[in-house]
Amino acid sequence: MTRTSSITLGVLATLAALAMGQELDHDIDPGIIMTVENSYRQESVNLMTIREQSRTESREMKVLALKNIRGAIDRGITTGEILKALEYMAMEGIVNKTIYNNRIRNNYPDIRCQAAAYLGDLGSLEAHKILLKMTQAEYEPMVLTEVVKSLTKIGMNDNNETVQMISKRLHAFDVLLPDNLLALAALEAYETFASKAGGTLDASTIQVIQGISTGRYHGTIRERANQLLTMLHTYSLHSRPEDLSE
């Protein structure tokens, strides 16, 4: 139960008891009730403010929204308006577009990047779904790198969906515009998910890793890819049944 829900239930229970003339076990300071009510009211105002800030075209307002979202997450508020605001900013400029004179006016990669990071902090199924949407739609390697990091942090990979989505987008960048940081984030994701799956990855992902190991990347990135391939090979050897033939 979220902090907001707990406050709401506490206030309602207290007010209901007083309204029905029920005696509580101890005297309640009216000031405490007012403090709780004020706290709940202030939180509601904060969430409405975040909603409005996130939907303006002003980058400065979105920065404030993200700052307020950080505070809300730290207070344990991770659903409702927080999730909606992060989804809106995560999709802005790539799905939610404002076009003027054939130009996108609301394209803020740094805002999407921070939204992706906060979705990773939330770690929920809903946040994971939003990140997968970003993986499909995002075209900025900087933002996609943060998306991959957040997907790795959350750690969900049902039916290998997360790994395959990362591989698909990385392959597209590998062909057109190889990016070292994106490749490194993907390799770290592959290692994390492979470890959870007993050292296995699908064939298409292994091909992507092999492409990184011989591709147009920094030497340290190619070496990291080779290390991952070696790790996967080692897992494979250990998982094979022993040869029982004489």
C-alpha atoms as a PDB file:
ATOM      1  CA  MET A   1       0.000   0.000   0.000  1.00  0.00           C
ATOM      2  CA  THR A   2       1.388   3.408  -0.942  1.00  0.00           C
ATOM      3  CA  ARG A   3       1.991   6.181   1.535  1.00  0.00           C
ATOM      4  CA  THR A   4      -0.851   8.213   0.015  1.00  0.00           C
ATOM      5  CA  SER A   5      -3.288   5.317   0.396  1.00  0.00           C
ATOM      6  CA  SER A   6      -2.221   4.775   4.009  1.00  0.00           C
ATOM      7  CA  ILE A   7      -2.754   8.436   4.826  1.00  0.00           C
ATOM      8  CA  THR A   8      -6.146   8.418   3.131  1.00  0.00           C
ATOM      9  CA  LEU A   9      -7.354   5.344   5.021  1.00  0.00           C
ATOM     10  CA  GLY A  10      -6.076   6.721   8.315  1.00  0.00           C
ATOM     11  CA  VAL A  11      -7.859  10.029   7.872  1.00  0.00           C
ATOM     12  CA  LEU A  12     -11.111   8.411   6.758  1.00  0.00           C
ATOM     13  CA  ALA A  13     -11.099   5.943   9.644  1.00  0.00           C
ATOM     14  CA  THR A  14     -10.487   8.673  12.180  1.00  0.00           C
ATOM     15  CA  LEU A  15     -13.114  11.008  10.766  1.00  0.00           C
ATOM     16  CA  ALA A  16     -15.642   8.183  10.464  1.00  0.00           C
ATOM     17  CA  ALA A  17     -15.172   7.223  14.077  1.00  0.00           C
ATOM     18  CA  LEU A  18     -15.620  10.805  15.227  1.00  0.00           C
ATOM     19  CA  ALA A  19     -18.672  11.331  13.019  1.00  0.00           C
ATOM     20  CA  MET A  20     -20.381   8.228  14.460  1.00  0.00           C
ATOM     21  CA  GLY A  21     -19.682   9.340  17.989  1.00  0.00           C
ATOM     22  CA  GLN A  22     -17.449   6.363  18.671  1.00  0.00           C
ATOM     23  CA  GLU A  23     -14.960   6.673  21.498  1.00  0.00           C
ATOM     24  CA  LEU A  24     -11.381   5.940  20.621  1.00  0.00           C
ATOM     25  CA  ASP A  25      -8.965   4.342  23.040  1.00  0.00           C
ATOM     26  CA  HIS A  26      -7.270   7.656  23.653  1.00  0.00           C
ATOM     27  CA  ASP A  27      -7.803  11.313  23.092  1.00  0.00           C
ATOM     28  CA  ILE A  28      -6.863  12.542  19.641  1.00  0.00           C
ATOM     29  CA  ASP A  29      -5.236  15.878  19.283  1.00  0.00           C
ATOM     30  CA  PRO A  30      -7.232  17.815  16.652  1.00  0.00           C
ATOM     31  CA  GLY A  31      -3.953  19.236  15.485  1.00  0.00           C
ATOM     32  CA  ILE A  32      -2.801  15.753  14.478  1.00  0.00           C
ATOM     33  CA  ILE A  33      -5.905  15.252  12.320  1.00  0.00           C
ATOM     34  CA  MET A  34      -5.366  18.600  10.641  1.00  0.00           C
ATOM     35  CA  THR A  35      -1.699  17.778  10.055  1.00  0.00           C
ATOM     36  CA  VAL A  36      -2.577  14.472   8.376  1.00  0.00           C
ATOM     37  CA  GLU A  37      -5.288  16.130   6.297  1.00  0.00           C
ATOM     38  CA  ASN A  38      -2.932  18.887   5.252  1.00  0.00           C
ATOM     39  CA  SER A  39      -0.256  16.343   4.354  1.00  0.00           C
ATOM     40  CA  TYR A  40      -2.684  14.396   2.165  1.00  0.00           C
ATOM     41  CA  ARG A  41      -3.957  17.590   0.552  1.00  0.00           C
ATOM     42  CA  GLN A  42      -0.407  18.788  -0.127  1.00  0.00           C
ATOM     43  CA  GLU A  43       0.527  15.445  -1.704  1.00  0.00           C
ATOM     44  CA  SER A  44      -2.498  15.648  -3.982  1.00  0.00           C
ATOM     45  CA  VAL A  45      -1.453  19.157  -5.037  1.00  0.00           C
ATOM     46  CA  ASN A  46       2.096  17.917  -5.676  1.00  0.00           C
ATOM     47  CA  LEU A  47       0.839  15.144  -7.948  1.00  0.00           C
ATOM     48  CA  MET A  48      -1.399  17.534  -9.890  1.00  0.00           C
ATOM     49  CA  THR A  49       1.556  19.896 -10.271  1.00  0.00           C
ATOM     50  CA  ILE A  50       3.732  17.077 -11.625  1.00  0.00           C
ATOM     51  CA  ARG A  51       1.016  16.160 -14.111  1.00  0.00           C
ATOM     52  CA  GLU A  52       0.737  19.711 -15.458  1.00  0.00           C
ATOM     53  CA  GLN A  53       4.502  20.285 -15.526  1.00  0.00           C
ATOM     54  CA  SER A  54       5.136  17.067 -17.445  1.00  0.00           C
ATOM     55  CA  ARG A  55       2.641  17.981 -20.178  1.00  0.00           C
ATOM     56  CA  THR A  56       3.799  21.499 -20.947  1.00  0.00           C
ATOM     57  CA  GLU A  57       5.988  22.156 -23.983  1.00  0.00           C
ATOM     58  CA  SER A  58       8.517  23.970 -21.821  1.00  0.00           C
ATOM     59  CA  ARG A  59      11.679  21.963 -21.208  1.00  0.00           C
ATOM     60  CA  GLU A  60      12.255  23.901 -17.981  1.00  0.00           C
ATOM     61  CA  MET A  61       8.871  22.787 -16.637  1.00  0.00           C
ATOM     62  CA  LYS A  62       9.684  19.186 -17.485  1.00  0.00           C
ATOM     63  CA  VAL A  63      12.945  19.481 -15.576  1.00  0.00           C
ATOM     64  CA  LEU A  64      10.938  20.648 -12.557  1.00  0.00           C
ATOM     65  CA  ALA A  65       8.525  17.755 -13.059  1.00  0.00           C
ATOM     66  CA  LEU A  66      11.409  15.287 -12.988  1.00  0.00           C
ATOM     67  CA  LYS A  67      12.795  16.916  -9.855  1.00  0.00           C
ATOM     68  CA  ASN A  68       9.398  16.593  -8.166  1.00  0.00           C
ATOM     69  CA  ILE A  69       9.072  13.011  -9.384  1.00  0.00           C
ATOM     70  CA  ARG A  70      12.423  12.188  -7.796  1.00  0.00           C
ATOM     71  CA  GLY A  71      11.111  13.529  -4.496  1.00  0.00           C
ATOM     72  CA  ALA A  72       7.866  11.560  -4.831  1.00  0.00           C
ATOM     73  CA  ILE A  73       9.736   8.326  -5.549  1.00  0.00           C
ATOM     74  CA  ASP A  74      11.913   8.928  -2.502  1.00  0.00           C
ATOM     75  CA  ARG A  75       8.708   9.272  -0.457  1.00  0.00           C
ATOM     76  CA  GLY A  76       7.476   5.913  -1.768  1.00  0.00           C
ATOM     77  CA  ILE A  77       4.960   7.177  -4.352  1.00  0.00           C
ATOM     78  CA  THR A  78       5.493   5.072  -7.474  1.00  0.00           C
ATOM     79  CA  THR A  79       2.117   4.675  -9.177  1.00  0.00           C
ATOM     80  CA  GLY A  80      -0.745   6.792 -10.502  1.00  0.00           C
ATOM     81  CA  GLU A  81       0.256  10.239 -11.684  1.00  0.00           C
ATOM     82  CA  ILE A  82       3.970   9.508 -11.225  1.00  0.00           C
ATOM     83  CA  LEU A  83       3.864   6.618 -13.681  1.00  0.00           C
ATOM     84  CA  LYS A  84       1.650   8.540 -16.120  1.00  0.00           C
ATOM     85  CA  ALA A  85       3.936  11.575 -16.059  1.00  0.00           C
ATOM     86  CA  LEU A  86       7.035   9.451 -16.669  1.00  0.00           C
ATOM     87  CA  GLU A  87       5.337   7.618 -19.534  1.00  0.00           C
ATOM     88  CA  TYR A  88       4.280  10.889 -21.164  1.00  0.00           C
ATOM     89  CA  MET A  89       7.794  12.359 -20.981  1.00  0.00           C
ATOM     90  CA  ALA A  90       9.380   9.061 -22.034  1.00  0.00           C
ATOM     91  CA  MET A  91       7.289   9.037 -25.210  1.00  0.00           C
ATOM     92  CA  GLU A  92       7.486  12.763 -25.942  1.00  0.00           C
ATOM     93  CA  GLY A  93       9.226  13.636 -29.186  1.00  0.00           C
ATOM     94  CA  ILE A  94       9.106  10.057 -30.469  1.00  0.00           C
ATOM     95  CA  VAL A  95       5.413   9.150 -30.077  1.00  0.00           C
ATOM     96  CA  ASN A  96       3.802  12.286 -28.630  1.00  0.00           C
ATOM     97  CA  LYS A  97       4.946  14.869 -31.168  1.00  0.00           C
ATOM     98  CA  THR A  98       4.178  18.549 -31.586  1.00  0.00           C
ATOM     99  CA  ILE A  99       4.949  19.540 -35.182  1.00  0.00           C
ATOM    100  CA  TYR A 100       5.484  23.144 -36.249  1.00  0.00           C
ATOM    101  CA  ASN A 101       6.849  24.120 -39.673  1.00  0.00           C
ATOM    102  CA  ASN A 102       7.716  20.479 -40.287  1.00  0.00           C
ATOM    103  CA  ARG A 103       9.845  20.341 -37.154  1.00  0.00           C
ATOM    104  CA  ILE A 104       9.278  18.538 -33.861  1.00  0.00           C
ATOM    105  CA  ARG A 105       9.038  21.192 -31.165  1.00  0.00           C
ATOM    106  CA  ASN A 106       8.981  18.883 -28.146  1.00  0.00           C
ATOM    107  CA  ASN A 107      11.991  16.677 -28.815  1.00  0.00           C
ATOM    108  CA  TYR A 108      13.974  16.550 -25.540  1.00  0.00           C
ATOM    109  CA  PRO A 109      16.304  13.513 -25.482  1.00  0.00           C
ATOM    110  CA  ASP A 110      17.715  14.487 -22.072  1.00  0.00           C
ATOM    111  CA  ILE A 111      14.194  14.472 -20.587  1.00  0.00           C
ATOM    112  CA  ARG A 112      13.461  11.045 -22.070  1.00  0.00           C
ATOM    113  CA  CYS A 113      16.813   9.826 -20.767  1.00  0.00           C
ATOM    114  CA  GLN A 114      16.005  10.874 -17.191  1.00  0.00           C
ATOM    115  CA  ALA A 115      12.482   9.479 -17.454  1.00  0.00           C
ATOM    116  CA  ALA A 116      13.953   6.126 -18.499  1.00  0.00           C
ATOM    117  CA  ALA A 117      16.295   6.160 -15.499  1.00  0.00           C
ATOM    118  CA  TYR A 118      13.411   6.854 -13.080  1.00  0.00           C
ATOM    119  CA  LEU A 119      11.337   4.069 -14.648  1.00  0.00           C
ATOM    120  CA  GLY A 120      14.214   1.762 -13.825  1.00  0.00           C
ATOM    121  CA  ASP A 121      14.098   3.003 -10.235  1.00  0.00           C
ATOM    122  CA  LEU A 122      10.387   2.181 -10.045  1.00  0.00           C
ATOM    123  CA  GLY A 123      11.101  -1.391 -11.092  1.00  0.00           C
ATOM    124  CA  SER A 124       7.456  -2.333 -11.611  1.00  0.00           C
ATOM    125  CA  LEU A 125       5.810  -4.355 -14.370  1.00  0.00           C
ATOM    126  CA  GLU A 126       4.145  -1.164 -15.635  1.00  0.00           C
ATOM    127  CA  ALA A 127       7.511   0.616 -15.777  1.00  0.00           C
ATOM    128  CA  HIS A 128       8.980  -2.358 -17.638  1.00  0.00           C
ATOM    129  CA  LYS A 129       6.227  -2.177 -20.263  1.00  0.00           C
ATOM    130  CA  ILE A 130       6.871   1.532 -20.823  1.00  0.00           C
ATOM    131  CA  LEU A 131      10.595   0.859 -21.253  1.00  0.00           C
ATOM    132  CA  LEU A 132       9.846  -1.791 -23.867  1.00  0.00           C
ATOM    133  CA  LYS A 133       7.763   0.782 -25.743  1.00  0.00           C
ATOM    134  CA  MET A 134      10.717   3.160 -25.585  1.00  0.00           C
ATOM    135  CA  THR A 135      13.010   0.450 -26.943  1.00  0.00           C
ATOM    136  CA  GLN A 136      10.797   0.087 -29.994  1.00  0.00           C
ATOM    137  CA  ALA A 137      10.364   3.804 -30.692  1.00  0.00           C
ATOM    138  CA  GLU A 138      13.560   5.506 -29.495  1.00  0.00           C
ATOM    139  CA  TYR A 139      16.179   6.580 -32.059  1.00  0.00           C
ATOM    140  CA  GLU A 140      18.680   8.472 -29.877  1.00  0.00           C
ATOM    141  CA  PRO A 141      21.515   6.131 -28.769  1.00  0.00           C
ATOM    142  CA  MET A 142      22.012   8.123 -25.553  1.00  0.00           C
ATOM    143  CA  VAL A 143      18.403   7.551 -24.509  1.00  0.00           C
ATOM    144  CA  LEU A 144      18.321   3.954 -25.670  1.00  0.00           C
ATOM    145  CA  THR A 145      21.444   3.269 -23.617  1.00  0.00           C
ATOM    146  CA  GLU A 146      19.608   4.451 -20.490  1.00  0.00           C
ATOM    147  CA  VAL A 147      16.575   2.375 -21.449  1.00  0.00           C
ATOM    148  CA  VAL A 148      18.714  -0.771 -21.719  1.00  0.00           C
ATOM    149  CA  LYS A 149      20.300  -0.027 -18.330  1.00  0.00           C
ATOM    150  CA  SER A 150      16.860   0.335 -16.730  1.00  0.00           C
ATOM    151  CA  LEU A 151      15.583  -2.862 -18.336  1.00  0.00           C
ATOM    152  CA  THR A 152      18.636  -4.642 -16.949  1.00  0.00           C
ATOM    153  CA  LYS A 153      18.028  -3.136 -13.519  1.00  0.00           C
ATOM    154  CA  ILE A 154      14.407  -4.325 -13.468  1.00  0.00           C
ATOM    155  CA  GLY A 155      15.486  -7.767 -14.700  1.00  0.00           C
ATOM    156  CA  MET A 156      12.261  -8.970 -16.325  1.00  0.00           C
ATOM    157  CA  ASN A 157      12.667 -11.126 -19.426  1.00  0.00           C
ATOM    158  CA  ASP A 158       9.492 -13.174 -19.834  1.00  0.00           C
ATOM    159  CA  ASN A 159       9.601 -15.324 -22.992  1.00  0.00           C
ATOM    160  CA  ASN A 160      12.972 -13.708 -23.752  1.00  0.00           C
ATOM    161  CA  GLU A 161      11.094 -10.564 -24.832  1.00  0.00           C
ATOM    162  CA  THR A 162      13.483  -8.060 -23.282  1.00  0.00           C
ATOM    163  CA  VAL A 163      16.657  -9.609 -24.673  1.00  0.00           C
ATOM    164  CA  GLN A 164      15.200  -9.977 -28.150  1.00  0.00           C
ATOM    165  CA  MET A 165      13.999  -6.371 -28.174  1.00  0.00           C
ATOM    166  CA  ILE A 166      17.450  -5.121 -27.150  1.00  0.00           C
ATOM    167  CA  SER A 167      19.104  -7.277 -29.811  1.00  0.00           C
ATOM    168  CA  LYS A 168      16.762  -6.051 -32.527  1.00  0.00           C
ATOM    169  CA  ARG A 169      17.489  -2.373 -31.822  1.00  0.00           C
ATOM    170  CA  LEU A 170      21.206  -2.918 -31.299  1.00  0.00           C
ATOM    171  CA  HIS A 171      21.434  -4.674 -34.653  1.00  0.00           C
ATOM    172  CA  ALA A 172      19.785  -1.680 -36.331  1.00  0.00           C
ATOM    173  CA  PHE A 173      22.338   0.690 -34.773  1.00  0.00           C
ATOM    174  CA  ASP A 174      25.179  -1.705 -35.571  1.00  0.00           C
ATOM    175  CA  VAL A 175      24.348  -1.449 -39.274  1.00  0.00           C
ATOM    176  CA  LEU A 176      23.772   2.310 -39.440  1.00  0.00           C
ATOM    177  CA  LEU A 177      25.502   4.016 -36.513  1.00  0.00           C
ATOM    178  CA  PRO A 178      27.486   1.832 -34.075  1.00  0.00           C
ATOM    179  CA  ASP A 179      27.531   3.341 -30.593  1.00  0.00           C
ATOM    180  CA  ASN A 180      30.060   2.188 -27.998  1.00  0.00           C
ATOM    181  CA  LEU A 181      28.020   3.069 -24.915  1.00  0.00           C
ATOM    182  CA  LEU A 182      24.880   1.420 -26.281  1.00  0.00           C
ATOM    183  CA  ALA A 183      26.845  -1.717 -27.160  1.00  0.00           C
ATOM    184  CA  LEU A 184      28.381  -1.810 -23.681  1.00  0.00           C
ATOM    185  CA  ALA A 185      24.966  -1.438 -22.016  1.00  0.00           C
ATOM    186  CA  ALA A 186      23.619  -4.245 -24.200  1.00  0.00           C
ATOM    187  CA  LEU A 187      26.538  -6.544 -23.369  1.00  0.00           C
ATOM    188  CA  GLU A 188      25.976  -5.940 -19.651  1.00  0.00           C
ATOM    189  CA  ALA A 189      22.288  -6.712 -20.140  1.00  0.00           C
ATOM    190  CA  TYR A 190      23.090  -9.939 -22.003  1.00  0.00           C
ATOM    191  CA  GLU A 191      25.453 -11.045 -19.252  1.00  0.00           C
ATOM    192  CA  THR A 192      22.868 -10.322 -16.561  1.00  0.00           C
ATOM    193  CA  PHE A 193      20.015 -12.109 -18.299  1.00  0.00           C
ATOM    194  CA  ALA A 194      22.229 -15.020 -19.397  1.00  0.00           C
ATOM    195  CA  SER A 195      23.372 -15.566 -15.812  1.00  0.00           C
ATOM    196  CA  LYS A 196      19.746 -15.740 -14.687  1.00  0.00           C
ATOM    197  CA  ALA A 197      18.959 -18.220 -17.479  1.00  0.00           C
ATOM    198  CA  GLY A 198      21.787 -20.605 -16.702  1.00  0.00           C
ATOM    199  CA  GLY A 199      24.171 -19.131 -19.244  1.00  0.00           C
ATOM    200  CA  THR A 200      21.927 -19.358 -22.286  1.00  0.00           C
ATOM    201  CA  LEU A 201      20.979 -16.784 -24.898  1.00  0.00           C
ATOM    202  CA  ASP A 202      19.062 -17.194 -28.147  1.00  0.00           C
ATOM    203  CA  ALA A 203      20.961 -17.684 -31.397  1.00  0.00           C
ATOM    204  CA  SER A 204      20.098 -14.255 -32.823  1.00  0.00           C
ATOM    205  CA  THR A 205      21.488 -12.517 -29.741  1.00  0.00           C
ATOM    206  CA  ILE A 206      24.707 -14.531 -29.910  1.00  0.00           C
ATOM    207  CA  GLN A 207      25.062 -13.380 -33.517  1.00  0.00           C
ATOM    208  CA  VAL A 208      24.676  -9.770 -32.359  1.00  0.00           C
ATOM    209  CA  ILE A 209      27.413 -10.310 -29.744  1.00  0.00           C
ATOM    210  CA  GLN A 210      29.678 -11.840 -32.375  1.00  0.00           C
ATOM    211  CA  GLY A 211      29.002  -8.802 -34.559  1.00  0.00           C
ATOM    212  CA  ILE A 212      30.117  -6.502 -31.753  1.00  0.00           C
ATOM    213  CA  SER A 213      33.290  -8.552 -31.215  1.00  0.00           C
ATOM    214  CA  THR A 214      34.368  -7.935 -34.819  1.00  0.00           C
ATOM    215  CA  GLY A 215      32.534  -4.689 -35.548  1.00  0.00           C
ATOM    216  CA  ARG A 216      33.360  -0.984 -35.674  1.00  0.00           C
ATOM    217  CA  TYR A 217      33.636  -0.547 -31.927  1.00  0.00           C
ATOM    218  CA  HIS A 218      36.313   0.503 -29.487  1.00  0.00           C
ATOM    219  CA  GLY A 219      38.799  -2.232 -28.659  1.00  0.00           C
ATOM    220  CA  THR A 220      37.580  -2.542 -25.069  1.00  0.00           C
ATOM    221  CA  ILE A 221      34.017  -3.070 -26.294  1.00  0.00           C
ATOM    222  CA  ARG A 222      35.098  -5.788 -28.724  1.00  0.00           C
ATOM    223  CA  GLU A 223      37.087  -7.436 -25.953  1.00  0.00           C
ATOM    224  CA  ARG A 224      34.075  -7.332 -23.634  1.00  0.00           C
ATOM    225  CA  ALA A 225      31.999  -9.054 -26.326  1.00  0.00           C
ATOM    226  CA  ASN A 226      34.644 -11.763 -26.689  1.00  0.00           C
ATOM    227  CA  GLN A 227      34.690 -12.283 -22.928  1.00  0.00           C
ATOM    228  CA  LEU A 228      30.920 -12.719 -22.948  1.00  0.00           C
ATOM    229  CA  LEU A 229      31.133 -15.254 -25.781  1.00  0.00           C
ATOM    230  CA  THR A 230      33.745 -17.166 -23.786  1.00  0.00           C
ATOM    231  CA  MET A 231      31.503 -17.109 -20.727  1.00  0.00           C
ATOM    232  CA  LEU A 232      28.565 -18.451 -22.721  1.00  0.00           C
ATOM    233  CA  HIS A 233      30.763 -21.190 -24.190  1.00  0.00           C
ATOM    234  CA  THR A 234      31.946 -22.151 -20.701  1.00  0.00           C
ATOM    235  CA  TYR A 235      28.358 -22.334 -19.452  1.00  0.00           C
ATOM    236  CA  SER A 236      27.522 -24.517 -22.434  1.00  0.00           C
ATOM    237  CA  LEU A 237      30.354 -26.952 -21.701  1.00  0.00           C
ATOM    238  CA  HIS A 238      29.378 -27.277 -18.049  1.00  0.00           C
ATOM    239  CA  SER A 239      25.731 -27.871 -18.900  1.00  0.00           C
ATOM    240  CA  ARG A 240      26.404 -30.742 -21.330  1.00  0.00           C
ATOM    241  CA  PRO A 241      25.735 -34.249 -19.995  1.00  0.00           C
ATOM    242  CA  GLU A 242      28.859 -36.277 -19.410  1.00  0.00           C
ATOM    243  CA  ASP A 243      29.830 -38.725 -22.110  1.00  0.00           C
ATOM    244  CA  LEU A 244      28.971 -42.124 -20.628  1.00  0.00           C
ATOM    245  CA  SER A 245      30.258 -44.132 -23.563  1.00  0.00           C
ATOM    246  CA  GLU A 246      33.119 -46.491 -22.967  1.00  0.00           C
END
